Amino acid sequence: MTPPRGTGRRLSIDDWIQAGFALVAEGGPHALRVDRLCERLGVTKGSFYWHFADLHAYRTALLDAWGSLKDQDRQRFEDSAAVEPRQRLRYMMSAVAGPAQWALERAMRVWALTDADVAANVRRSDGRVFRAVYQAFVEAGFDPEDAGVRAAVFFGAGMGVLHGATPEDAPVEMQERFLDFMFRA
């Protein structure tokens, strides 16, 4: 069986996932419709159904990808283990500071308030991010207890900024001062 043809290029599951993240960021979970996904990717509905049995299967794949940090911006969280701890945390802060990612983070958390599956995936994602932040502080030389407190503050501050501000409210200078504060002995 050959895949359906649209624009001449073959789409991957990741192409569909990234398109879904973009739609959720732009219009919330109600924007996840087969026709809108196909329009965004320039393909027919046949292409969608080649990859997914139905919208529920697609939504499940999207949520699994979110919980596994598979969106492009947050993938660096786990891919940066060889990077110096402060730089790793800088990556994490910048990953959610862009307007599209900022909007996606907020939309996923709002969606999680009304959908148990989404909430479970947001918790899984948050757990992975928290562990990555904790590990960065441990590798920076903080004992496990201090690393845990610093990770909780770092993560909590990020969530507070995410829900109470816009990306422009957290300029790079403020991010650097925050990192200076978090790395004080």
N, C-alpha and C. Protein backbone atom coordinates (compact mmCIF):
# COMPACT_ATOMS: atom_id res chain seq x y z
N MET A 1 0.85 -1.17 0.00
CA MET A 1 0.00 0.00 0.00
C MET A 1 0.90 1.24 0.00
N THR A 2 0.61 2.19 -0.83
CA THR A 2 1.40 3.41 -0.87
C THR A 2 0.67 4.54 -0.16
N PRO A 3 1.45 5.45 0.44
CA PRO A 3 0.80 6.55 1.15
C PRO A 3 0.10 7.49 0.18
N PRO A 4 -0.92 8.19 0.66
CA PRO A 4 -1.64 9.13 -0.20
C PRO A 4 -0.73 10.28 -0.61
N ARG A 5 -1.10 10.86 -1.71
CA ARG A 5 -0.28 11.96 -2.23
C ARG A 5 -1.00 13.29 -1.99
N GLY A 6 -0.23 14.31 -1.69
CA GLY A 6 -0.78 15.65 -1.49
C GLY A 6 0.14 16.63 -2.19
N THR A 7 1.09 17.14 -1.45
CA THR A 7 2.01 18.13 -2.00
C THR A 7 3.22 17.47 -2.65
N GLY A 8 3.26 16.15 -2.65
CA GLY A 8 4.40 15.48 -3.24
C GLY A 8 5.43 15.07 -2.21
N ARG A 9 5.31 15.58 -1.02
CA ARG A 9 6.27 15.18 0.01
C ARG A 9 5.59 14.23 0.98
N ARG A 10 6.37 13.36 1.53
CA ARG A 10 5.82 12.41 2.49
C ARG A 10 5.93 13.00 3.88
N LEU A 11 4.82 12.98 4.56
CA LEU A 11 4.80 13.51 5.92
C LEU A 11 5.14 12.40 6.91
N SER A 12 5.76 12.79 7.97
CA SER A 12 6.03 11.86 9.06
C SER A 12 5.01 12.10 10.17
N ILE A 13 4.96 11.19 11.09
CA ILE A 13 4.11 11.38 12.27
C ILE A 13 4.51 12.68 12.96
N ASP A 14 5.81 12.94 13.02
CA ASP A 14 6.29 14.16 13.68
C ASP A 14 5.76 15.42 12.98
N ASP A 15 5.66 15.39 11.66
CA ASP A 15 5.09 16.54 10.94
C ASP A 15 3.66 16.80 11.43
N TRP A 16 2.89 15.74 11.58
CA TRP A 16 1.52 15.88 12.06
C TRP A 16 1.49 16.37 13.51
N ILE A 17 2.38 15.86 14.32
CA ILE A 17 2.43 16.26 15.73
C ILE A 17 2.77 17.75 15.84
N GLN A 18 3.79 18.18 15.12
CA GLN A 18 4.19 19.59 15.18
C GLN A 18 3.06 20.50 14.68
N ALA A 19 2.34 20.05 13.65
CA ALA A 19 1.21 20.84 13.15
C ALA A 19 0.12 20.94 14.22
N GLY A 20 -0.10 19.85 14.93
CA GLY A 20 -1.10 19.88 16.01
C GLY A 20 -0.69 20.81 17.14
N PHE A 21 0.60 20.78 17.50
CA PHE A 21 1.07 21.70 18.54
C PHE A 21 0.83 23.15 18.11
N ALA A 22 1.11 23.44 16.83
CA ALA A 22 0.91 24.80 16.34
C ALA A 22 -0.57 25.19 16.40
N LEU A 23 -1.45 24.28 16.03
CA LEU A 23 -2.89 24.59 16.08
C LEU A 23 -3.36 24.81 17.51
N VAL A 24 -2.91 23.98 18.43
CA VAL A 24 -3.29 24.16 19.84
C VAL A 24 -2.78 25.50 20.35
N ALA A 25 -1.55 25.85 20.00
CA ALA A 25 -0.98 27.13 20.44
C ALA A 25 -1.78 28.30 19.90
N GLU A 26 -2.24 28.19 18.66
CA GLU A 26 -2.96 29.28 18.03
C GLU A 26 -4.43 29.36 18.43
N GLY A 27 -5.07 28.20 18.62
CA GLY A 27 -6.51 28.24 18.82
C GLY A 27 -7.05 27.35 19.92
N GLY A 28 -6.18 26.78 20.71
CA GLY A 28 -6.64 25.91 21.78
C GLY A 28 -7.01 24.53 21.26
N PRO A 29 -7.46 23.66 22.16
CA PRO A 29 -7.73 22.27 21.77
C PRO A 29 -8.87 22.12 20.77
N HIS A 30 -9.79 23.06 20.72
CA HIS A 30 -10.89 22.96 19.77
C HIS A 30 -10.42 23.18 18.33
N ALA A 31 -9.22 23.67 18.16
CA ALA A 31 -8.66 23.87 16.82
C ALA A 31 -8.18 22.55 16.21
N LEU A 32 -8.09 21.49 17.01
CA LEU A 32 -7.63 20.20 16.50
C LEU A 32 -8.75 19.52 15.71
N ARG A 33 -8.75 19.78 14.43
CA ARG A 33 -9.72 19.18 13.53
C ARG A 33 -8.95 18.66 12.32
N VAL A 34 -9.40 17.56 11.77
CA VAL A 34 -8.70 16.94 10.64
C VAL A 34 -8.56 17.92 9.49
N ASP A 35 -9.63 18.64 9.16
CA ASP A 35 -9.55 19.57 8.02
C ASP A 35 -8.53 20.68 8.26
N ARG A 36 -8.46 21.18 9.47
CA ARG A 36 -7.49 22.25 9.76
C ARG A 36 -6.06 21.73 9.73
N LEU A 37 -5.85 20.52 10.23
CA LEU A 37 -4.51 19.91 10.17
C LEU A 37 -4.08 19.72 8.72
N CYS A 38 -4.98 19.19 7.91
CA CYS A 38 -4.66 18.94 6.50
C CYS A 38 -4.39 20.24 5.76
N GLU A 39 -5.19 21.24 6.05
CA GLU A 39 -4.99 22.56 5.41
C GLU A 39 -3.62 23.11 5.79
N ARG A 40 -3.27 23.00 7.05
CA ARG A 40 -1.98 23.52 7.52
C ARG A 40 -0.81 22.83 6.83
N LEU A 41 -0.95 21.53 6.61
CA LEU A 41 0.14 20.76 6.01
C LEU A 41 0.04 20.67 4.49
N GLY A 42 -1.05 21.17 3.93
CA GLY A 42 -1.20 21.16 2.47
C GLY A 42 -1.40 19.77 1.90
N VAL A 43 -2.15 18.93 2.62
CA VAL A 43 -2.40 17.56 2.16
C VAL A 43 -3.89 17.24 2.26
N THR A 44 -4.25 16.09 1.75
CA THR A 44 -5.64 15.65 1.80
C THR A 44 -5.92 14.90 3.10
N LYS A 45 -7.20 14.70 3.36
CA LYS A 45 -7.59 13.94 4.54
C LYS A 45 -7.08 12.50 4.45
N GLY A 46 -6.91 12.01 3.25
CA GLY A 46 -6.37 10.66 3.08
C GLY A 46 -5.01 10.52 3.73
N SER A 47 -4.22 11.57 3.65
CA SER A 47 -2.90 11.55 4.29
C SER A 47 -3.05 11.43 5.80
N PHE A 48 -4.00 12.16 6.36
CA PHE A 48 -4.23 12.07 7.81
C PHE A 48 -4.58 10.63 8.18
N TYR A 49 -5.53 10.04 7.44
CA TYR A 49 -6.00 8.70 7.77
C TYR A 49 -4.98 7.62 7.41
N TRP A 50 -3.99 7.97 6.62
CA TRP A 50 -2.88 7.05 6.37
C TRP A 50 -2.06 6.89 7.65
N HIS A 51 -1.94 7.98 8.39
CA HIS A 51 -1.10 8.00 9.60
C HIS A 51 -1.87 7.65 10.87
N PHE A 52 -3.15 8.00 10.92
CA PHE A 52 -3.94 7.84 12.15
C PHE A 52 -5.30 7.23 11.83
N ALA A 53 -5.78 6.36 12.70
CA ALA A 53 -7.08 5.72 12.50
C ALA A 53 -8.22 6.73 12.56
N ASP A 54 -8.08 7.70 13.47
CA ASP A 54 -9.13 8.70 13.65
C ASP A 54 -8.56 9.85 14.49
N LEU A 55 -9.38 10.83 14.76
CA LEU A 55 -8.91 11.99 15.51
C LEU A 55 -8.52 11.61 16.94
N HIS A 56 -9.22 10.65 17.51
CA HIS A 56 -8.86 10.20 18.86
C HIS A 56 -7.44 9.62 18.87
N ALA A 57 -7.10 8.80 17.89
CA ALA A 57 -5.74 8.23 17.82
C ALA A 57 -4.71 9.34 17.62
N TYR A 58 -5.06 10.32 16.80
CA TYR A 58 -4.16 11.46 16.61
C TYR A 58 -3.95 12.22 17.92
N ARG A 59 -5.03 12.50 18.60
CA ARG A 59 -4.97 13.24 19.86
C ARG A 59 -4.11 12.47 20.87
N THR A 60 -4.26 11.16 20.92
CA THR A 60 -3.45 10.34 21.82
C THR A 60 -1.96 10.47 21.48
N ALA A 61 -1.64 10.41 20.18
CA ALA A 61 -0.25 10.56 19.75
C ALA A 61 0.28 11.95 20.11
N LEU A 62 -0.55 12.97 19.93
CA LEU A 62 -0.16 14.34 20.26
C LEU A 62 0.15 14.47 21.76
N LEU A 63 -0.74 13.93 22.58
CA LEU A 63 -0.54 14.02 24.03
C LEU A 63 0.67 13.22 24.48
N ASP A 64 0.87 12.04 23.89
CA ASP A 64 2.05 11.25 24.23
C ASP A 64 3.32 12.01 23.87
N ALA A 65 3.31 12.66 22.72
CA ALA A 65 4.48 13.44 22.31
C ALA A 65 4.72 14.59 23.27
N TRP A 66 3.65 15.26 23.68
CA TRP A 66 3.79 16.36 24.63
C TRP A 66 4.41 15.86 25.94
N GLY A 67 3.86 14.79 26.47
CA GLY A 67 4.34 14.25 27.74
C GLY A 67 5.76 13.74 27.66
N SER A 68 6.20 13.39 26.46
CA SER A 68 7.56 12.88 26.27
C SER A 68 8.52 13.97 25.80
N LEU A 69 8.08 15.22 25.85
CA LEU A 69 8.89 16.38 25.44
C LEU A 69 9.31 16.30 23.98
N LYS A 70 8.42 15.85 23.12
CA LYS A 70 8.77 15.70 21.72
C LYS A 70 8.46 16.93 20.87
N ASP A 71 7.91 17.97 21.47
CA ASP A 71 7.77 19.17 20.66
C ASP A 71 9.16 19.74 20.44
N GLN A 72 9.37 20.35 19.31
CA GLN A 72 10.71 20.73 18.88
C GLN A 72 11.45 21.62 19.88
N ASP A 73 10.77 22.56 20.48
CA ASP A 73 11.46 23.49 21.37
C ASP A 73 11.91 22.84 22.66
N ARG A 74 11.08 21.96 23.23
CA ARG A 74 11.44 21.36 24.51
C ARG A 74 12.31 20.13 24.39
N GLN A 75 12.49 19.59 23.18
CA GLN A 75 13.31 18.40 23.00
C GLN A 75 14.73 18.63 23.52
N ARG A 76 15.21 19.86 23.43
CA ARG A 76 16.57 20.15 23.88
C ARG A 76 16.76 19.91 25.37
N PHE A 77 15.69 19.89 26.16
CA PHE A 77 15.81 19.68 27.60
C PHE A 77 16.56 18.40 27.89
N GLU A 78 16.18 17.35 27.21
CA GLU A 78 16.80 16.06 27.47
C GLU A 78 17.99 15.79 26.56
N ASP A 79 18.10 16.52 25.47
CA ASP A 79 19.20 16.31 24.54
C ASP A 79 20.45 17.09 24.91
N SER A 80 20.41 17.82 26.02
CA SER A 80 21.53 18.69 26.35
C SER A 80 22.31 18.23 27.57
N ALA A 81 22.34 16.94 27.83
CA ALA A 81 23.02 16.42 29.03
C ALA A 81 24.50 16.76 29.04
N ALA A 82 25.13 16.89 27.89
CA ALA A 82 26.56 17.19 27.84
C ALA A 82 26.85 18.69 27.97
N VAL A 83 25.81 19.50 28.01
CA VAL A 83 25.97 20.95 28.09
C VAL A 83 26.13 21.36 29.56
N GLU A 84 26.95 22.35 29.79
CA GLU A 84 27.19 22.88 31.15
C GLU A 84 25.84 23.24 31.79
N PRO A 85 25.67 22.95 33.11
CA PRO A 85 24.37 23.10 33.77
C PRO A 85 23.71 24.47 33.60
N ARG A 86 24.45 25.54 33.76
CA ARG A 86 23.83 26.87 33.64
C ARG A 86 23.33 27.09 32.21
N GLN A 87 24.11 26.67 31.23
CA GLN A 87 23.69 26.81 29.84
C GLN A 87 22.45 25.94 29.57
N ARG A 88 22.40 24.77 30.17
CA ARG A 88 21.25 23.89 30.01
C ARG A 88 19.98 24.57 30.53
N LEU A 89 20.08 25.22 31.69
CA LEU A 89 18.91 25.93 32.24
C LEU A 89 18.56 27.15 31.38
N ARG A 90 19.56 27.77 30.81
CA ARG A 90 19.31 28.89 29.90
C ARG A 90 18.52 28.39 28.68
N TYR A 91 18.90 27.21 28.16
CA TYR A 91 18.14 26.61 27.05
C TYR A 91 16.68 26.40 27.45
N MET A 92 16.49 25.89 28.65
CA MET A 92 15.13 25.61 29.11
C MET A 92 14.30 26.88 29.17
N MET A 93 14.91 27.94 29.69
CA MET A 93 14.17 29.21 29.78
C MET A 93 13.87 29.75 28.39
N SER A 94 14.83 29.68 27.49
CA SER A 94 14.59 30.23 26.16
C SER A 94 13.62 29.37 25.36
N ALA A 95 13.54 28.07 25.69
CA ALA A 95 12.63 27.18 24.96
C ALA A 95 11.17 27.56 25.15
N VAL A 96 10.84 28.14 26.29
CA VAL A 96 9.44 28.52 26.49
C VAL A 96 9.21 30.02 26.33
N ALA A 97 10.26 30.77 25.98
CA ALA A 97 10.13 32.22 25.87
C ALA A 97 9.63 32.68 24.51
N GLY A 98 9.72 31.84 23.49
CA GLY A 98 9.23 32.23 22.17
C GLY A 98 7.71 32.28 22.16
N PRO A 99 7.14 33.17 21.40
CA PRO A 99 5.68 33.34 21.40
C PRO A 99 4.90 32.06 21.11
N ALA A 100 5.33 31.25 20.14
CA ALA A 100 4.59 30.03 19.81
C ALA A 100 4.65 29.04 20.96
N GLN A 101 5.83 28.83 21.51
CA GLN A 101 5.96 27.87 22.61
C GLN A 101 5.25 28.38 23.86
N TRP A 102 5.36 29.66 24.10
CA TRP A 102 4.67 30.27 25.24
C TRP A 102 3.17 29.97 25.15
N ALA A 103 2.62 30.22 23.97
CA ALA A 103 1.19 29.99 23.76
C ALA A 103 0.84 28.51 23.90
N LEU A 104 1.70 27.62 23.40
CA LEU A 104 1.43 26.19 23.51
C LEU A 104 1.48 25.74 24.96
N GLU A 105 2.46 26.18 25.71
CA GLU A 105 2.55 25.83 27.14
C GLU A 105 1.26 26.24 27.87
N ARG A 106 0.85 27.45 27.65
CA ARG A 106 -0.37 27.93 28.31
C ARG A 106 -1.60 27.16 27.86
N ALA A 107 -1.72 26.93 26.55
CA ALA A 107 -2.89 26.22 26.02
C ALA A 107 -2.96 24.80 26.57
N MET A 108 -1.83 24.12 26.66
CA MET A 108 -1.84 22.75 27.18
C MET A 108 -2.28 22.73 28.64
N ARG A 109 -1.82 23.69 29.41
CA ARG A 109 -2.18 23.73 30.83
C ARG A 109 -3.65 24.11 31.03
N VAL A 110 -4.17 24.98 30.21
CA VAL A 110 -5.59 25.31 30.29
C VAL A 110 -6.42 24.10 29.88
N TRP A 111 -6.02 23.42 28.82
CA TRP A 111 -6.70 22.22 28.36
C TRP A 111 -6.69 21.16 29.46
N ALA A 112 -5.59 21.06 30.19
CA ALA A 112 -5.45 20.07 31.25
C ALA A 112 -6.47 20.27 32.37
N LEU A 113 -6.99 21.46 32.51
CA LEU A 113 -7.99 21.73 33.55
C LEU A 113 -9.31 21.01 33.28
N THR A 114 -9.55 20.65 32.03
CA THR A 114 -10.84 20.05 31.67
C THR A 114 -10.72 18.65 31.08
N ASP A 115 -9.51 18.12 30.99
CA ASP A 115 -9.32 16.81 30.36
C ASP A 115 -8.28 16.02 31.14
N ALA A 116 -8.70 14.90 31.72
CA ALA A 116 -7.81 14.09 32.57
C ALA A 116 -6.62 13.54 31.79
N ASP A 117 -6.81 13.16 30.53
CA ASP A 117 -5.70 12.63 29.73
C ASP A 117 -4.65 13.71 29.49
N VAL A 118 -5.11 14.90 29.20
CA VAL A 118 -4.18 16.01 28.98
C VAL A 118 -3.46 16.33 30.30
N ALA A 119 -4.20 16.34 31.39
CA ALA A 119 -3.59 16.63 32.70
C ALA A 119 -2.50 15.61 33.02
N ALA A 120 -2.75 14.34 32.73
CA ALA A 120 -1.74 13.31 33.00
C ALA A 120 -0.49 13.54 32.16
N ASN A 121 -0.67 13.93 30.91
CA ASN A 121 0.49 14.19 30.06
C ASN A 121 1.23 15.46 30.45
N VAL A 122 0.51 16.47 30.90
CA VAL A 122 1.17 17.68 31.38
C VAL A 122 1.98 17.35 32.64
N ARG A 123 1.40 16.55 33.54
CA ARG A 123 2.16 16.13 34.73
C ARG A 123 3.41 15.34 34.35
N ARG A 124 3.27 14.45 33.37
CA ARG A 124 4.43 13.66 32.93
C ARG A 124 5.50 14.57 32.34
N SER A 125 5.09 15.51 31.51
CA SER A 125 6.02 16.47 30.93
C SER A 125 6.70 17.30 32.02
N ASP A 126 5.89 17.80 32.95
CA ASP A 126 6.45 18.61 34.04
C ASP A 126 7.45 17.80 34.86
N GLY A 127 7.14 16.53 35.08
CA GLY A 127 8.06 15.68 35.83
C GLY A 127 9.39 15.52 35.12
N ARG A 128 9.35 15.35 33.82
CA ARG A 128 10.59 15.22 33.04
C ARG A 128 11.39 16.52 33.09
N VAL A 129 10.69 17.64 32.94
CA VAL A 129 11.37 18.93 32.99
C VAL A 129 11.96 19.15 34.38
N PHE A 130 11.18 18.86 35.42
CA PHE A 130 11.67 19.05 36.79
C PHE A 130 12.92 18.20 37.03
N ARG A 131 12.90 16.95 36.59
CA ARG A 131 14.08 16.09 36.77
C ARG A 131 15.30 16.64 36.03
N ALA A 132 15.08 17.20 34.84
CA ALA A 132 16.19 17.79 34.09
C ALA A 132 16.75 19.01 34.81
N VAL A 133 15.86 19.83 35.39
CA VAL A 133 16.31 21.00 36.15
C VAL A 133 17.07 20.56 37.40
N TYR A 134 16.50 19.60 38.11
CA TYR A 134 17.15 19.05 39.31
C TYR A 134 18.55 18.53 38.96
N GLN A 135 18.65 17.76 37.89
CA GLN A 135 19.94 17.19 37.48
C GLN A 135 20.95 18.29 37.17
N ALA A 136 20.50 19.36 36.55
CA ALA A 136 21.41 20.47 36.25
C ALA A 136 21.98 21.07 37.54
N PHE A 137 21.15 21.22 38.55
CA PHE A 137 21.64 21.76 39.82
C PHE A 137 22.57 20.78 40.53
N VAL A 138 22.27 19.50 40.47
CA VAL A 138 23.17 18.49 41.05
C VAL A 138 24.52 18.55 40.36
N GLU A 139 24.51 18.60 39.03
CA GLU A 139 25.77 18.64 38.27
C GLU A 139 26.52 19.95 38.48
N ALA A 140 25.81 20.98 38.91
CA ALA A 140 26.47 22.26 39.21
C ALA A 140 27.12 22.22 40.59
N GLY A 141 26.94 21.12 41.32
CA GLY A 141 27.63 20.97 42.60
C GLY A 141 26.77 21.13 43.83
N PHE A 142 25.48 21.30 43.68
CA PHE A 142 24.61 21.43 44.84
C PHE A 142 24.25 20.05 45.37
N ASP A 143 24.15 19.94 46.70
CA ASP A 143 23.76 18.65 47.26
C ASP A 143 22.31 18.37 46.87
N PRO A 144 21.90 17.09 46.94
CA PRO A 144 20.56 16.73 46.46
C PRO A 144 19.41 17.54 47.09
N GLU A 145 19.51 17.83 48.38
CA GLU A 145 18.43 18.60 49.01
C GLU A 145 18.37 20.02 48.46
N ASP A 146 19.54 20.69 48.38
CA ASP A 146 19.57 22.03 47.80
C ASP A 146 19.15 22.02 46.33
N ALA A 147 19.59 21.01 45.60
CA ALA A 147 19.21 20.91 44.18
C ALA A 147 17.70 20.78 44.05
N GLY A 148 17.07 20.03 44.95
CA GLY A 148 15.62 19.87 44.93
C GLY A 148 14.89 21.18 45.19
N VAL A 149 15.38 21.92 46.18
CA VAL A 149 14.76 23.22 46.48
C VAL A 149 14.95 24.17 45.31
N ARG A 150 16.15 24.23 44.77
CA ARG A 150 16.42 25.13 43.65
C ARG A 150 15.60 24.74 42.42
N ALA A 151 15.48 23.45 42.18
CA ALA A 151 14.68 22.99 41.04
C ALA A 151 13.22 23.38 41.23
N ALA A 152 12.70 23.24 42.45
CA ALA A 152 11.31 23.62 42.72
C ALA A 152 11.10 25.11 42.52
N VAL A 153 12.04 25.92 42.98
CA VAL A 153 11.93 27.38 42.81
C VAL A 153 12.03 27.74 41.33
N PHE A 154 13.00 27.16 40.64
CA PHE A 154 13.18 27.43 39.21
C PHE A 154 11.92 27.08 38.43
N PHE A 155 11.41 25.88 38.68
CA PHE A 155 10.22 25.41 37.98
C PHE A 155 9.01 26.26 38.35
N GLY A 156 8.84 26.52 39.64
CA GLY A 156 7.70 27.32 40.09
C GLY A 156 7.74 28.74 39.55
N ALA A 157 8.92 29.32 39.52
CA ALA A 157 9.05 30.67 38.96
C ALA A 157 8.69 30.67 37.48
N GLY A 158 9.12 29.63 36.78
CA GLY A 158 8.79 29.52 35.36
C GLY A 158 7.30 29.43 35.13
N MET A 159 6.62 28.64 35.95
CA MET A 159 5.17 28.51 35.81
C MET A 159 4.48 29.84 36.15
N GLY A 160 4.98 30.52 37.15
CA GLY A 160 4.41 31.81 37.52
C GLY A 160 4.54 32.83 36.41
N VAL A 161 5.70 32.89 35.81
CA VAL A 161 5.92 33.81 34.70
C VAL A 161 5.05 33.40 33.52
N LEU A 162 4.96 32.10 33.27
CA LEU A 162 4.17 31.60 32.15
C LEU A 162 2.71 32.04 32.25
N HIS A 163 2.16 32.00 33.46
CA HIS A 163 0.74 32.31 33.61
C HIS A 163 0.45 33.76 33.97
N GLY A 164 1.47 34.51 34.28
CA GLY A 164 1.19 35.87 34.71
C GLY A 164 1.83 36.94 33.87
N ALA A 165 2.44 36.57 32.77
CA ALA A 165 3.19 37.56 31.99
C ALA A 165 3.15 37.16 30.52
N THR A 166 3.95 37.86 29.75
CA THR A 166 4.15 37.54 28.34
C THR A 166 5.64 37.35 28.13
N PRO A 167 6.05 36.76 27.00
CA PRO A 167 7.48 36.57 26.77
C PRO A 167 8.29 37.86 26.89
N GLU A 168 7.68 38.96 26.51
CA GLU A 168 8.39 40.24 26.57
C GLU A 168 8.65 40.69 28.01
N ASP A 169 7.87 40.16 28.96
CA ASP A 169 8.04 40.53 30.36
C ASP A 169 9.24 39.84 31.01
N ALA A 170 9.85 38.90 30.32
CA ALA A 170 11.00 38.18 30.86
C ALA A 170 12.19 38.33 29.92
N PRO A 171 12.74 39.56 29.81
CA PRO A 171 13.85 39.78 28.88
C PRO A 171 15.09 38.97 29.30
N VAL A 172 16.00 38.82 28.37
CA VAL A 172 17.21 38.03 28.60
C VAL A 172 17.97 38.54 29.82
N GLU A 173 18.03 39.85 30.02
CA GLU A 173 18.74 40.39 31.18
C GLU A 173 18.13 39.87 32.48
N MET A 174 16.79 39.82 32.54
CA MET A 174 16.13 39.32 33.74
C MET A 174 16.40 37.82 33.90
N GLN A 175 16.39 37.10 32.82
CA GLN A 175 16.67 35.66 32.87
C GLN A 175 18.08 35.42 33.41
N GLU A 176 19.03 36.21 32.96
CA GLU A 176 20.42 36.06 33.43
C GLU A 176 20.54 36.39 34.91
N ARG A 177 19.85 37.43 35.35
CA ARG A 177 19.88 37.78 36.78
C ARG A 177 19.24 36.66 37.61
N PHE A 178 18.18 36.07 37.09
CA PHE A 178 17.55 34.96 37.77
C PHE A 178 18.51 33.78 37.88
N LEU A 179 19.22 33.47 36.80
CA LEU A 179 20.20 32.39 36.84
C LEU A 179 21.31 32.70 37.84
N ASP A 180 21.78 33.96 37.85
CA ASP A 180 22.79 34.36 38.85
C ASP A 180 22.29 34.06 40.26
N PHE A 181 21.06 34.43 40.53
CA PHE A 181 20.46 34.22 41.84
C PHE A 181 20.37 32.73 42.16
N MET A 182 19.91 31.92 41.21
CA MET A 182 19.72 30.49 41.43
C MET A 182 21.03 29.74 41.62
N PHE A 183 22.12 30.26 41.09
CA PHE A 183 23.40 29.58 41.21
C PHE A 183 24.27 30.10 42.35
N ARG A 184 23.74 31.05 43.12
CA ARG A 184 24.50 31.51 44.30
C ARG A 184 24.68 30.37 45.28
N ALA A 185 25.82 30.33 45.87
CA ALA A 185 26.10 29.26 46.85
C ALA A 185 25.42 29.54 48.18
